[in-house]
Amino acid sequence: MIDSLSYCSLRLDYLDGQGNRPFPDNGSSYGVIRFRTSRVEEIEIPYGERMGGTNYDGNPCTQNGFTGARNEEIIPEWKLDGRINPIDGAELYKVSDDKERLVGIYDARKGKFIEAKEK
């Protein structure tokens, strides 16, 4: 089961446009990608109209630069303008039972994550 702090802070309880929950209540894990990029101009704070921006994403986007955390946590929100390829060495983690486990490392030559070997 995903811990309630992550579930509520990251708003993993939202419904998508078709009314489905991408992270179901009985889900046991979620993924995290850690990467660096030189294309920072393609990453923005998703401000909506009331904050002087142009973002119109629905929930859980609050359009004020922070997730709509349901537990008073303050979590900044970022939006990529389209897609970017990770730089060689980006890391893919599986988070389960409050623990992160490295499961993949991005290989730029192959254009995909390669299974991480446990040490």
Protein backbone atom coordinates (compact mmCIF):
# COMPACT_ATOMS: atom_id res chain seq x y z
CA MET A 1 0.00 0.00 0.00
CA ILE A 2 1.24 3.51 -0.82
CA ASP A 3 1.83 5.49 2.36
CA SER A 4 -0.80 8.16 3.06
CA LEU A 5 1.76 11.01 3.18
CA SER A 6 2.83 10.40 -0.43
CA TYR A 7 -0.72 9.58 -1.57
CA CYS A 8 -2.18 12.82 -0.15
CA SER A 9 0.83 15.09 -0.80
CA LEU A 10 1.30 14.10 -4.43
CA ARG A 11 -2.46 13.84 -5.08
CA LEU A 12 -2.30 10.29 -6.36
CA ASP A 13 -6.03 10.13 -5.64
CA TYR A 14 -7.13 12.21 -8.65
CA LEU A 15 -9.37 11.02 -11.48
CA ASP A 16 -8.30 11.39 -15.10
CA GLY A 17 -10.52 12.82 -17.86
CA GLN A 18 -12.29 9.46 -18.29
CA GLY A 19 -13.09 9.13 -14.58
CA ASN A 20 -10.38 6.53 -13.94
CA ARG A 21 -7.92 6.67 -11.07
CA PRO A 22 -4.38 6.14 -12.43
CA PHE A 23 -3.18 5.28 -8.91
CA PRO A 24 -5.93 3.09 -7.40
CA ASP A 25 -6.65 3.01 -3.67
CA ASN A 26 -5.27 -0.50 -3.45
CA GLY A 27 -2.10 0.40 -5.39
CA SER A 28 1.14 -0.66 -3.81
CA SER A 29 3.77 1.41 -5.62
CA TYR A 30 4.55 4.38 -7.84
CA GLY A 31 7.53 5.43 -9.94
CA VAL A 32 9.95 8.34 -9.66
CA ILE A 33 12.37 9.47 -12.38
CA ARG A 34 15.34 11.58 -11.29
CA PHE A 35 17.12 13.36 -14.11
CA ARG A 36 19.04 16.46 -15.10
CA THR A 37 18.40 18.59 -18.14
CA SER A 38 19.92 21.59 -19.84
CA ARG A 39 16.49 22.39 -21.32
CA VAL A 40 15.15 24.22 -18.27
CA GLU A 41 13.28 26.68 -20.51
CA GLU A 42 10.85 23.81 -21.24
CA ILE A 43 9.95 23.39 -17.56
CA GLU A 44 7.47 25.82 -16.08
CA ILE A 45 5.43 26.46 -12.99
CA PRO A 46 1.82 25.71 -14.03
CA TYR A 47 0.16 29.03 -13.19
CA GLY A 48 -3.49 29.46 -14.14
CA GLU A 49 -5.26 32.62 -15.24
CA ARG A 50 -5.84 33.98 -11.72
CA MET A 51 -2.06 33.85 -11.17
CA GLY A 52 -1.24 35.53 -14.49
CA GLY A 53 -0.58 32.27 -16.35
CA THR A 54 -2.10 30.28 -19.15
CA ASN A 55 -2.41 26.79 -17.61
CA TYR A 56 -5.84 25.16 -17.84
CA ASP A 57 -5.04 21.66 -16.54
CA GLY A 58 -7.75 20.14 -14.37
CA ASN A 59 -7.40 18.52 -10.98
CA PRO A 60 -5.14 17.77 -9.29
CA CYS A 61 -3.36 20.80 -10.80
CA THR A 62 -4.25 23.82 -8.64
CA GLN A 63 -2.85 26.32 -11.16
CA ASN A 64 -0.93 28.10 -8.37
CA GLY A 65 2.40 26.27 -8.60
CA PHE A 66 1.73 23.75 -5.82
CA THR A 67 -0.02 20.40 -5.67
CA GLY A 68 -3.45 20.31 -4.08
CA ALA A 69 -2.03 18.34 -1.15
CA ARG A 70 -4.75 17.20 1.24
CA ASN A 71 -2.52 17.08 4.29
CA GLU A 72 -1.16 20.65 4.52
CA GLU A 73 2.16 19.63 2.91
CA ILE A 74 3.57 22.26 0.53
CA ILE A 75 4.75 20.50 -2.62
CA PRO A 76 5.90 22.56 -5.66
CA GLU A 77 4.53 21.51 -9.02
CA TRP A 78 6.34 21.66 -12.37
CA LYS A 79 5.19 21.03 -15.91
CA LEU A 80 7.28 19.96 -18.88
CA ASP A 81 6.43 21.59 -22.19
CA GLY A 82 6.01 18.39 -24.18
CA ARG A 83 8.44 15.55 -23.70
CA ILE A 84 12.16 15.49 -23.25
CA ASN A 85 14.52 12.53 -23.35
CA PRO A 86 16.43 11.92 -20.15
CA ILE A 87 20.18 12.44 -20.15
CA ASP A 88 22.37 9.35 -19.88
CA GLY A 89 22.38 8.10 -16.29
CA ALA A 90 18.86 9.24 -15.27
CA GLU A 91 17.45 7.00 -12.56
CA LEU A 92 14.08 5.22 -12.33
CA TYR A 93 12.92 4.25 -8.85
CA LYS A 94 10.02 2.14 -7.63
CA VAL A 95 8.58 3.44 -4.35
CA SER A 96 6.79 0.85 -2.22
CA ASP A 97 6.27 0.57 1.54
CA ASP A 98 7.98 3.94 2.08
CA LYS A 99 11.18 2.65 0.42
CA GLU A 100 12.75 3.60 -2.90
CA ARG A 101 14.44 0.93 -4.99
CA LEU A 102 16.51 1.79 -8.06
CA VAL A 103 15.08 -0.30 -10.90
CA GLY A 104 16.53 1.32 -14.03
CA ILE A 105 19.22 3.61 -15.39
CA TYR A 106 18.75 5.47 -18.66
CA ASP A 107 21.11 4.51 -21.46
CA ALA A 108 21.11 7.35 -24.00
CA ARG A 109 22.74 5.23 -26.72
CA LYS A 110 19.91 2.68 -26.47
CA GLY A 111 17.23 5.31 -25.82
CA LYS A 112 15.72 3.41 -22.89
CA PHE A 113 16.03 2.50 -19.23
CA ILE A 114 18.19 -0.55 -18.58
CA GLU A 115 17.47 -2.74 -15.56
CA ALA A 116 19.61 -1.70 -12.60
CA LYS A 117 21.70 -4.45 -11.07
CA GLU A 118 21.39 -4.80 -7.31
CA LYS A 119 24.63 -4.25 -5.39
